[in-house]
Amino acid sequence: MKPSYRNLLASGELAKRVEYAREALKDCTLCPRNCRVNRLEDEKGFCRTGRTAKVASHNLHQGEEPPITGSRGSGTIFFSNCNLRCIFCQNYPISQLGHGETVDDERLAQMMLNLQKRGAHNINLVTASHVVPQFIGGLKLAAEEGLNIPIVYNSSGYDGLEALELLKDIVDIYMPDLKYVTDEPAERYSQATKYWDASRKAVKEMYEQVGPLQMDEEGIGVRGLLIRHLVLPGGLAGSERVFEFIATQLSPDVPVNLMSQYFPADKAVDDPLLCRRITKQEFAEAEEALHKWKLDNGWIQRM
């Protein structure tokens, strides 16, 4: 299956999309925060990112879900900064401290082409919610130079509908987290206002664009949606309600990766609720809820 963006390139629509995306930076409402800063003038809102993106690393990654990693690895590009402030972020030097290299469109295109040359099954955009226009600018140049592998959009779920509309027929595989179902923990632990409302709308839009995950004859993902869910201590993530939403509002065919890897990183080490790993019982309850809603097409990261 040819990546969707190849058709946009051939029709000239990808060039138009670059211009639309740049215009969106003038009064930024690309994510649910609606900071409305002029990022073309290098003003910075919550994500601390102005006109130009930063990249912390780009490399072949062997630790993603099997259809994403495949046999040769996923071509991950880790973008610096974030539109969340999760106090337990395991990548906080990247997401919170902004470590990374400032990249223009040409440099970003080079990274994508290099990963394809090294055999990556896909280009995997990690935490790109705040740099959608910058990514599209780089993608156009890379596509013109022969980029021809799927795009994976790997996000926190706190995505704006405006940004997702820009990504329509560009992203082949959406891979969001669904972190919380209630406002209080989302605001307390990630400074995210109305996270559940925003993420539900975003994930529904993703599903409408690409449907459930499709794989080729080798089991490599080529198009569709898969969802990650990290179990948090004390049931803070509201796991069963997440699964109910997926099963009833999307489809039981959507694969879910149920993750047990939480550990107290960064500021979470001093938090009375998040200062510990999850228990086996907490994970077992989440796994039971996953099966209750018949979400059996994904993966379980056992403790």
Protein backbone atom coordinates (compact mmCIF):
# COMPACT_ATOMS: atom_id res chain seq x y z
CA MET A 1 0.00 0.00 0.00
CA LYS A 2 1.46 3.35 -1.05
CA PRO A 3 1.69 5.95 1.73
CA SER A 4 -1.14 8.48 1.51
CA TYR A 5 1.14 11.49 1.24
CA ARG A 6 2.51 10.26 -2.08
CA ASN A 7 -0.88 10.98 -3.64
CA LEU A 8 -0.93 14.46 -2.09
CA LEU A 9 2.52 15.12 -3.51
CA ALA A 10 1.51 14.03 -7.01
CA SER A 11 -1.62 16.20 -6.99
CA GLY A 12 0.13 19.30 -5.64
CA GLU A 13 -2.01 19.20 -2.50
CA LEU A 14 0.98 18.58 -0.24
CA ALA A 15 2.51 21.93 -1.24
CA LYS A 16 -0.79 23.64 -0.42
CA ARG A 17 -0.93 21.85 2.91
CA VAL A 18 2.50 23.26 3.81
CA GLU A 19 1.18 26.79 3.28
CA TYR A 20 -2.01 26.15 5.26
CA ALA A 21 0.05 24.73 8.10
CA ARG A 22 2.42 27.69 8.22
CA GLU A 23 -0.50 30.11 8.32
CA ALA A 24 -1.85 28.21 11.33
CA LEU A 25 1.27 29.20 13.28
CA LYS A 26 0.35 32.89 13.13
CA ASP A 27 -2.40 32.53 15.75
CA CYS A 28 -1.72 29.10 17.14
CA THR A 29 -4.74 26.98 18.03
CA LEU A 30 -3.19 23.73 16.84
CA CYS A 31 -3.61 21.94 20.19
CA PRO A 32 -6.34 22.14 22.84
CA ARG A 33 -4.45 24.86 24.74
CA ASN A 34 -5.26 27.52 22.10
CA CYS A 35 -2.37 29.75 23.15
CA ARG A 36 -2.99 32.04 20.14
CA VAL A 37 0.62 33.21 19.97
CA ASN A 38 2.26 34.17 16.67
CA ARG A 39 4.77 31.39 16.33
CA LEU A 40 5.90 32.63 12.91
CA GLU A 41 7.34 35.58 14.83
CA ASP A 42 8.91 33.06 17.22
CA GLU A 43 6.47 33.77 20.03
CA LYS A 44 6.20 30.78 22.34
CA GLY A 45 3.18 29.43 24.18
CA PHE A 46 2.85 26.49 26.55
CA CYS A 47 4.87 24.14 24.31
CA ARG A 48 7.87 26.53 24.34
CA THR A 49 8.25 26.10 20.59
CA GLY A 50 8.15 28.98 18.14
CA ARG A 51 8.76 28.97 14.41
CA THR A 52 11.26 26.10 14.36
CA ALA A 53 11.07 22.57 15.73
CA LYS A 54 13.70 20.86 17.84
CA VAL A 55 14.63 17.19 17.60
CA ALA A 56 16.23 15.28 20.46
CA SER A 57 17.13 12.18 18.45
CA HIS A 58 16.39 10.24 15.30
CA ASN A 59 17.22 6.57 15.12
CA LEU A 60 15.97 3.06 14.45
CA HIS A 61 13.90 1.92 17.42
CA GLN A 62 13.28 -1.74 18.24
CA GLY A 63 10.96 -1.26 21.21
CA GLU A 64 7.64 -0.27 19.66
CA GLU A 65 4.63 -2.55 19.09
CA PRO A 66 5.41 -5.49 16.74
CA PRO A 67 3.62 -4.05 13.66
CA ILE A 68 5.52 -0.78 14.10
CA THR A 69 8.96 -2.19 14.92
CA GLY A 70 8.83 -5.10 12.48
CA SER A 71 12.14 -6.78 11.69
CA ARG A 72 14.16 -3.66 10.81
CA GLY A 73 12.97 -1.12 13.35
CA SER A 74 10.83 2.01 13.42
CA GLY A 75 12.40 5.27 12.28
CA THR A 76 11.69 7.35 15.35
CA ILE A 77 12.09 11.11 15.46
CA PHE A 78 11.81 12.38 19.05
CA PHE A 79 10.68 16.01 19.05
CA SER A 80 11.75 18.21 21.94
CA ASN A 81 9.23 19.99 24.19
CA CYS A 82 5.60 19.00 24.62
CA ASN A 83 2.10 20.41 25.09
CA LEU A 84 1.78 18.48 28.37
CA ARG A 85 3.73 18.71 31.63
CA CYS A 86 3.44 15.15 32.95
CA ILE A 87 5.26 15.06 36.27
CA PHE A 88 6.10 11.37 35.69
CA CYS A 89 7.45 11.71 32.14
CA GLN A 90 10.23 9.19 31.56
CA ASN A 91 11.65 11.42 28.80
CA TYR A 92 11.53 14.65 30.80
CA PRO A 93 14.94 15.95 29.62
CA ILE A 94 13.41 16.02 26.14
CA SER A 95 9.81 16.93 26.91
CA GLN A 96 10.29 19.33 29.82
CA LEU A 97 13.85 20.61 29.53
CA GLY A 98 13.83 20.89 25.74
CA HIS A 99 17.12 19.15 25.03
CA GLY A 100 17.65 18.79 21.31
CA GLU A 101 18.79 20.19 17.97
CA THR A 102 16.96 23.04 16.24
CA VAL A 103 15.96 21.79 12.77
CA ASP A 104 14.67 23.52 9.63
CA ASP A 105 12.64 21.78 6.92
CA GLU A 106 15.75 20.63 5.07
CA ARG A 107 17.34 19.06 8.13
CA LEU A 108 14.12 17.32 9.11
CA ALA A 109 13.79 15.94 5.57
CA GLN A 110 17.36 14.63 5.76
CA MET A 111 16.53 12.79 8.98
CA MET A 112 13.54 11.07 7.38
CA LEU A 113 15.47 10.07 4.27
CA ASN A 114 18.36 8.78 6.37
CA LEU A 115 16.02 6.58 8.41
CA GLN A 116 14.46 5.20 5.23
CA LYS A 117 17.93 4.47 3.82
CA ARG A 118 18.79 2.57 7.00
CA GLY A 119 15.79 0.28 6.47
CA ALA A 120 13.12 1.76 8.76
CA HIS A 121 9.65 0.39 8.19
CA ASN A 122 8.15 3.81 8.90
CA ILE A 123 8.80 7.34 10.09
CA ASN A 124 7.59 7.51 13.70
CA LEU A 125 6.89 11.04 14.97
CA VAL A 126 7.20 10.97 18.76
CA THR A 127 5.46 13.85 20.57
CA ALA A 128 4.72 15.91 17.46
CA SER A 129 1.42 17.51 18.52
CA HIS A 130 3.04 20.95 18.77
CA VAL A 131 5.12 20.75 15.57
CA VAL A 132 2.66 19.55 12.94
CA PRO A 133 3.34 22.46 10.53
CA GLN A 134 7.10 22.01 10.83
CA PHE A 135 6.78 18.29 10.17
CA ILE A 136 4.66 18.84 7.06
CA GLY A 137 7.24 21.26 5.71
CA GLY A 138 9.98 18.68 6.13
CA LEU A 139 7.82 15.88 4.75
CA LYS A 140 7.22 17.70 1.46
CA LEU A 141 10.95 18.00 0.84
CA ALA A 142 11.58 14.39 1.86
CA ALA A 143 8.76 13.12 -0.36
CA GLU A 144 10.18 15.05 -3.31
CA GLU A 145 13.49 13.25 -2.70
CA GLY A 146 11.87 9.81 -2.60
CA LEU A 147 10.49 9.19 0.88
CA ASN A 148 8.05 6.33 0.45
CA ILE A 149 7.38 4.69 3.84
CA PRO A 150 4.38 5.15 6.16
CA ILE A 151 4.11 7.97 8.68
CA VAL A 152 3.31 7.02 12.29
CA TYR A 153 1.94 9.77 14.56
CA ASN A 154 2.84 8.86 18.15
CA SER A 155 1.16 11.31 20.53
CA SER A 156 -0.16 11.91 24.04
CA GLY A 157 -3.73 12.07 22.73
CA TYR A 158 -3.93 15.75 23.66
CA ASP A 159 -4.25 16.74 20.01
CA GLY A 160 -6.21 19.51 18.33
CA LEU A 161 -8.71 18.91 15.56
CA GLU A 162 -7.12 21.66 13.47
CA ALA A 163 -3.79 19.87 13.51
CA LEU A 164 -5.39 16.52 12.74
CA GLU A 165 -7.19 18.02 9.75
CA LEU A 166 -3.81 19.16 8.45
CA LEU A 167 -2.55 15.59 8.85
CA LYS A 168 -5.43 13.97 6.98
CA ASP A 169 -4.10 11.76 4.17
CA ILE A 170 -0.57 12.41 5.43
CA VAL A 171 -0.45 10.20 8.52
CA ASP A 172 -0.91 6.51 7.78
CA ILE A 173 -0.87 5.17 11.35
CA TYR A 174 -2.06 7.01 14.46
CA MET A 175 -0.68 5.72 17.77
CA PRO A 176 -2.00 7.93 20.62
CA ASP A 177 -1.95 7.37 24.35
CA LEU A 178 -5.18 7.65 26.28
CA LYS A 179 -3.94 8.79 29.67
CA TYR A 180 -6.90 9.88 31.83
CA VAL A 181 -10.70 9.91 31.83
CA THR A 182 -11.26 12.57 34.50
CA ASP A 183 -10.14 16.18 34.68
CA GLU A 184 -8.63 16.32 38.16
CA PRO A 185 -5.67 13.96 37.63
CA ALA A 186 -5.09 15.31 34.11
CA GLU A 187 -4.80 18.84 35.45
CA ARG A 188 -2.84 17.85 38.54
CA TYR A 189 -0.32 15.57 36.90
CA SER A 190 -0.11 16.87 33.31
CA GLN A 191 -1.44 20.46 33.50
CA ALA A 192 -3.99 19.42 30.86
CA THR A 193 -7.36 21.15 30.95
CA LYS A 194 -10.24 18.94 29.76
CA TYR A 195 -7.87 16.21 28.66
CA TRP A 196 -10.56 13.52 28.29
CA ASP A 197 -12.88 15.70 26.24
CA ALA A 198 -10.05 16.76 23.93
CA SER A 199 -8.51 13.31 23.57
CA ARG A 200 -11.85 11.61 22.86
CA LYS A 201 -12.54 14.03 20.03
CA ALA A 202 -9.01 13.64 18.71
CA VAL A 203 -9.03 9.85 18.75
CA LYS A 204 -12.44 9.74 17.07
CA GLU A 205 -11.07 11.95 14.30
CA MET A 206 -8.04 9.68 13.96
CA TYR A 207 -10.29 6.65 13.67
CA GLU A 208 -12.47 8.32 11.06
CA GLN A 209 -9.38 9.09 9.00
CA VAL A 210 -7.71 5.68 9.04
CA GLY A 211 -9.91 3.01 10.71
CA PRO A 212 -8.46 0.07 12.68
CA LEU A 213 -4.88 -1.05 12.11
CA GLN A 214 -4.18 -2.85 8.84
CA MET A 215 -1.05 -4.92 8.27
CA ASP A 216 0.71 -6.28 5.21
CA GLU A 217 1.53 -9.93 4.56
CA GLU A 218 4.59 -9.67 6.81
CA GLY A 219 2.61 -8.26 9.74
CA ILE A 220 3.92 -4.72 9.35
CA GLY A 221 1.42 -1.91 9.95
CA VAL A 222 0.52 0.10 6.87
CA ARG A 223 -2.55 2.10 7.94
CA GLY A 224 -4.91 2.52 10.85
CA LEU A 225 -5.25 3.32 14.54
CA LEU A 226 -3.75 1.61 17.56
CA ILE A 227 -3.97 2.94 21.10
CA ARG A 228 -1.63 2.81 24.07
CA HIS A 229 -2.76 2.89 27.68
CA LEU A 230 -0.40 3.16 30.65
CA VAL A 231 -1.76 1.82 33.95
CA LEU A 232 -1.12 4.34 36.74
CA PRO A 233 -1.02 3.79 40.51
CA GLY A 234 -4.31 4.01 42.37
CA GLY A 235 -6.42 3.67 39.24
CA LEU A 236 -5.70 7.29 38.30
CA ALA A 237 -5.88 6.53 34.58
CA GLY A 238 -9.45 5.22 34.75
CA SER A 239 -8.54 2.19 32.65
CA GLU A 240 -11.96 0.55 32.37
CA ARG A 241 -13.61 3.73 31.12
CA VAL A 242 -10.87 4.07 28.52
CA PHE A 243 -11.59 0.55 27.28
CA GLU A 244 -15.34 1.13 27.29
CA PHE A 245 -14.85 4.20 25.10
CA ILE A 246 -12.67 2.33 22.62
CA ALA A 247 -15.04 -0.63 22.39
CA THR A 248 -18.27 1.36 22.10
CA GLN A 249 -17.28 4.63 20.43
CA LEU A 250 -14.59 3.32 18.07
CA SER A 251 -14.39 -0.44 17.50
CA PRO A 252 -13.35 -3.60 19.37
CA ASP A 253 -11.05 -4.18 16.39
CA VAL A 254 -8.80 -1.28 17.42
CA PRO A 255 -5.63 -2.82 18.95
CA VAL A 256 -4.69 -1.65 22.44
CA ASN A 257 -1.27 -1.91 24.05
CA LEU A 258 -1.84 -2.27 27.80
CA MET A 259 1.37 -1.08 29.44
CA SER A 260 2.75 -1.89 32.90
CA GLN A 261 5.98 0.10 32.59
CA TYR A 262 5.08 3.02 34.87
CA PHE A 263 7.77 4.08 37.31
CA PRO A 264 8.11 7.33 39.25
CA ALA A 265 10.32 9.58 37.14
CA ASP A 266 11.14 13.28 37.49
CA LYS A 267 8.80 15.07 39.95
CA ALA A 268 6.68 11.96 40.56
CA VAL A 269 9.24 10.66 43.04
CA ASP A 270 7.97 13.26 45.52
CA ASP A 271 4.26 12.79 44.84
CA PRO A 272 2.34 10.84 47.51
CA LEU A 273 0.29 8.91 44.93
CA LEU A 274 2.70 8.50 42.01
CA CYS A 275 5.87 7.80 43.99
CA ARG A 276 5.57 4.03 43.54
CA ARG A 277 5.25 1.47 40.76
CA ILE A 278 1.89 -0.13 40.11
CA THR A 279 1.00 -3.35 41.93
CA LYS A 280 0.31 -6.69 40.29
CA GLN A 281 -3.28 -6.40 41.48
CA GLU A 282 -3.72 -2.99 39.83
CA PHE A 283 -2.45 -4.33 36.55
CA ALA A 284 -4.57 -7.48 36.82
CA GLU A 285 -7.68 -5.34 37.29
CA ALA A 286 -6.83 -3.30 34.18
CA GLU A 287 -6.21 -6.47 32.19
CA GLU A 288 -9.53 -7.92 33.34
CA ALA A 289 -11.31 -4.76 32.18
CA LEU A 290 -9.55 -4.96 28.81
CA HIS A 291 -10.92 -8.46 28.27
CA LYS A 292 -14.34 -7.50 29.60
CA TRP A 293 -14.66 -5.05 26.70
CA LYS A 294 -13.30 -7.67 24.28
CA LEU A 295 -10.28 -5.64 23.23
CA ASP A 296 -8.25 -8.70 22.38
CA ASN A 297 -6.39 -7.62 19.24
CA GLY A 298 -3.50 -5.83 20.89
CA TRP A 299 -0.66 -6.50 23.30
CA ILE A 300 -0.22 -6.81 27.05
CA GLN A 301 3.04 -5.69 28.58
CA ARG A 302 3.09 -7.95 31.60
CA MET A 303 4.88 -7.11 34.83
